[in-house]
């Protein structure tokens, strides 16, 4: 996770959620990455637990509407899918088109 502090005039105490436009559980993100890596199939319960740990039950979904409406921010990669695909392409990892 990357963070960046942005100064907002007259809003120094406001908090903005910086998340993508497609809230999804970790399992969906992992499944998408696996499909791009041609791993296919479902991961085993042991693998899921090792990847997500006990935090999976604590997942929260948040909105980024204030970030976009009040600050006019536009995400470079609107969803985790575009972000993961960009990372794989940047690393030269072969992915399914």
C-alpha atoms as a PDB file:
ATOM      1  CA  UNK A   1       0.000   0.000   0.000  1.00  0.00           C
ATOM      2  CA  UNK A   2       1.310   3.415  -0.876  1.00  0.00           C
ATOM      3  CA  UNK A   3       0.401   6.622   0.884  1.00  0.00           C
ATOM      4  CA  UNK A   4       0.831  10.243   0.058  1.00  0.00           C
ATOM      5  CA  UNK A   5       0.052  13.219   2.228  1.00  0.00           C
ATOM      6  CA  UNK A   6      -1.753  15.960   0.334  1.00  0.00           C
ATOM      7  CA  UNK A   7      -2.325  19.415   1.761  1.00  0.00           C
ATOM      8  CA  UNK A   8      -5.914  20.487   1.435  1.00  0.00           C
ATOM      9  CA  UNK A   9      -6.599  24.139   2.202  1.00  0.00           C
ATOM     10  CA  UNK A  10      -9.239  24.542   4.919  1.00  0.00           C
ATOM     11  CA  UNK A  11      -9.566  20.768   5.249  1.00  0.00           C
ATOM     12  CA  UNK A  12      -6.593  19.867   7.406  1.00  0.00           C
ATOM     13  CA  UNK A  13      -8.659  17.630   9.679  1.00  0.00           C
ATOM     14  CA  UNK A  14     -10.575  15.848   6.914  1.00  0.00           C
ATOM     15  CA  UNK A  15      -9.845  12.221   6.043  1.00  0.00           C
ATOM     16  CA  UNK A  16     -10.169  10.934   2.505  1.00  0.00           C
ATOM     17  CA  UNK A  17     -10.401   7.253   1.666  1.00  0.00           C
ATOM     18  CA  UNK A  18      -8.049   6.408  -1.166  1.00  0.00           C
ATOM     19  CA  UNK A  19      -9.458   3.228  -2.639  1.00  0.00           C
ATOM     20  CA  UNK A  20     -10.370   2.108  -6.121  1.00  0.00           C
ATOM     21  CA  UNK A  21     -13.811   2.133  -7.710  1.00  0.00           C
ATOM     22  CA  UNK A  22     -14.399  -1.611  -7.371  1.00  0.00           C
ATOM     23  CA  UNK A  23     -14.613  -2.724  -3.739  1.00  0.00           C
ATOM     24  CA  UNK A  24     -13.770  -6.419  -3.623  1.00  0.00           C
ATOM     25  CA  UNK A  25     -12.742  -8.991  -1.052  1.00  0.00           C
ATOM     26  CA  UNK A  26      -9.106 -10.130  -1.099  1.00  0.00           C
ATOM     27  CA  UNK A  27     -10.179 -13.459  -2.551  1.00  0.00           C
ATOM     28  CA  UNK A  28     -11.445 -11.714  -5.728  1.00  0.00           C
ATOM     29  CA  UNK A  29      -8.183  -9.785  -6.091  1.00  0.00           C
ATOM     30  CA  UNK A  30      -6.157 -12.980  -5.643  1.00  0.00           C
ATOM     31  CA  UNK A  31      -8.354 -14.875  -8.115  1.00  0.00           C
ATOM     32  CA  UNK A  32      -7.893 -12.133 -10.727  1.00  0.00           C
ATOM     33  CA  UNK A  33      -4.110 -12.164 -10.292  1.00  0.00           C
ATOM     34  CA  UNK A  34      -4.056 -15.973 -10.537  1.00  0.00           C
ATOM     35  CA  UNK A  35      -6.070 -15.884 -13.754  1.00  0.00           C
ATOM     36  CA  UNK A  36      -3.630 -13.382 -15.282  1.00  0.00           C
ATOM     37  CA  UNK A  37      -0.699 -15.575 -14.326  1.00  0.00           C
ATOM     38  CA  UNK A  38      -2.358 -18.548 -16.015  1.00  0.00           C
ATOM     39  CA  UNK A  39      -2.514 -20.398 -12.707  1.00  0.00           C
ATOM     40  CA  UNK A  40      -6.230 -20.979 -13.084  1.00  0.00           C
ATOM     41  CA  UNK A  41      -8.333 -22.985 -10.714  1.00  0.00           C
ATOM     42  CA  UNK A  42      -9.169 -22.172  -7.165  1.00  0.00           C
ATOM     43  CA  UNK A  43      -6.557 -21.805  -4.509  1.00  0.00           C
ATOM     44  CA  UNK A  44      -6.647 -24.261  -1.646  1.00  0.00           C
ATOM     45  CA  UNK A  45      -8.074 -23.232   1.738  1.00  0.00           C
ATOM     46  CA  UNK A  46      -4.545 -23.419   3.207  1.00  0.00           C
ATOM     47  CA  UNK A  47      -3.223 -21.133   0.468  1.00  0.00           C
ATOM     48  CA  UNK A  48      -6.052 -18.639   0.988  1.00  0.00           C
ATOM     49  CA  UNK A  49      -5.387 -18.558   4.723  1.00  0.00           C
ATOM     50  CA  UNK A  50      -1.659 -18.004   4.225  1.00  0.00           C
ATOM     51  CA  UNK A  51      -2.288 -15.168   1.762  1.00  0.00           C
ATOM     52  CA  UNK A  52      -5.059 -13.341   3.542  1.00  0.00           C
ATOM     53  CA  UNK A  53      -4.604 -14.475   7.127  1.00  0.00           C
ATOM     54  CA  UNK A  54      -7.222 -13.784   9.740  1.00  0.00           C
ATOM     55  CA  UNK A  55      -7.605 -10.211   8.451  1.00  0.00           C
ATOM     56  CA  UNK A  56      -9.989 -11.453   5.752  1.00  0.00           C
ATOM     57  CA  UNK A  57     -12.842 -11.522   8.235  1.00  0.00           C
ATOM     58  CA  UNK A  58     -12.082  -7.901   9.149  1.00  0.00           C
ATOM     59  CA  UNK A  59     -12.354  -6.527   5.602  1.00  0.00           C
ATOM     60  CA  UNK A  60     -14.300  -3.309   5.256  1.00  0.00           C
ATOM     61  CA  UNK A  61     -15.611  -1.702   2.109  1.00  0.00           C
ATOM     62  CA  UNK A  62     -15.175   2.036   1.806  1.00  0.00           C
ATOM     63  CA  UNK A  63     -16.103   4.595  -0.815  1.00  0.00           C
ATOM     64  CA  UNK A  64     -13.880   7.139  -2.486  1.00  0.00           C
ATOM     65  CA  UNK A  65     -16.664   9.562  -3.473  1.00  0.00           C
ATOM     66  CA  UNK A  66     -15.346  12.436  -1.331  1.00  0.00           C
ATOM     67  CA  UNK A  67     -11.875  12.064  -2.805  1.00  0.00           C
ATOM     68  CA  UNK A  68     -13.279  12.503  -6.302  1.00  0.00           C
ATOM     69  CA  UNK A  69     -16.042  15.019  -5.567  1.00  0.00           C
ATOM     70  CA  UNK A  70     -14.244  17.373  -3.190  1.00  0.00           C
ATOM     71  CA  UNK A  71     -10.722  17.138  -4.557  1.00  0.00           C
ATOM     72  CA  UNK A  72     -11.533  16.308  -8.171  1.00  0.00           C
ATOM     73  CA  UNK A  73      -9.124  13.378  -8.000  1.00  0.00           C
ATOM     74  CA  UNK A  74      -9.125  10.840 -10.833  1.00  0.00           C
ATOM     75  CA  UNK A  75      -7.567   7.444 -10.295  1.00  0.00           C
ATOM     76  CA  UNK A  76      -4.906   6.359 -12.774  1.00  0.00           C
ATOM     77  CA  UNK A  77      -6.174   2.788 -12.430  1.00  0.00           C
ATOM     78  CA  UNK A  78      -9.871   2.944 -11.489  1.00  0.00           C
ATOM     79  CA  UNK A  79     -10.090  -0.665 -10.302  1.00  0.00           C
ATOM     80  CA  UNK A  80      -7.758  -3.287  -8.869  1.00  0.00           C
ATOM     81  CA  UNK A  81      -8.011  -5.129 -12.180  1.00  0.00           C
ATOM     82  CA  UNK A  82      -6.367  -2.339 -14.184  1.00  0.00           C
ATOM     83  CA  UNK A  83      -3.787  -1.842 -11.443  1.00  0.00           C
ATOM     84  CA  UNK A  84      -2.759  -5.498 -11.298  1.00  0.00           C
ATOM     85  CA  UNK A  85      -2.658  -5.766 -15.093  1.00  0.00           C
ATOM     86  CA  UNK A  86      -0.433  -2.666 -15.271  1.00  0.00           C
ATOM     87  CA  UNK A  87       1.956  -4.124 -12.664  1.00  0.00           C
ATOM     88  CA  UNK A  88       2.224  -7.420 -14.534  1.00  0.00           C
ATOM     89  CA  UNK A  89       2.831  -5.685 -17.865  1.00  0.00           C
ATOM     90  CA  UNK A  90       5.435  -3.368 -16.332  1.00  0.00           C
ATOM     91  CA  UNK A  91       7.306  -6.421 -15.012  1.00  0.00           C
ATOM     92  CA  UNK A  92       7.064  -8.194 -18.360  1.00  0.00           C
ATOM     93  CA  UNK A  93       4.932 -10.954 -16.859  1.00  0.00           C
ATOM     94  CA  UNK A  94       2.957 -12.823 -19.475  1.00  0.00           C
ATOM     95  CA  UNK A  95      -0.743 -12.379 -18.934  1.00  0.00           C
ATOM     96  CA  UNK A  96      -3.849 -13.538 -20.739  1.00  0.00           C
ATOM     97  CA  UNK A  97      -5.278 -10.937 -23.069  1.00  0.00           C
END
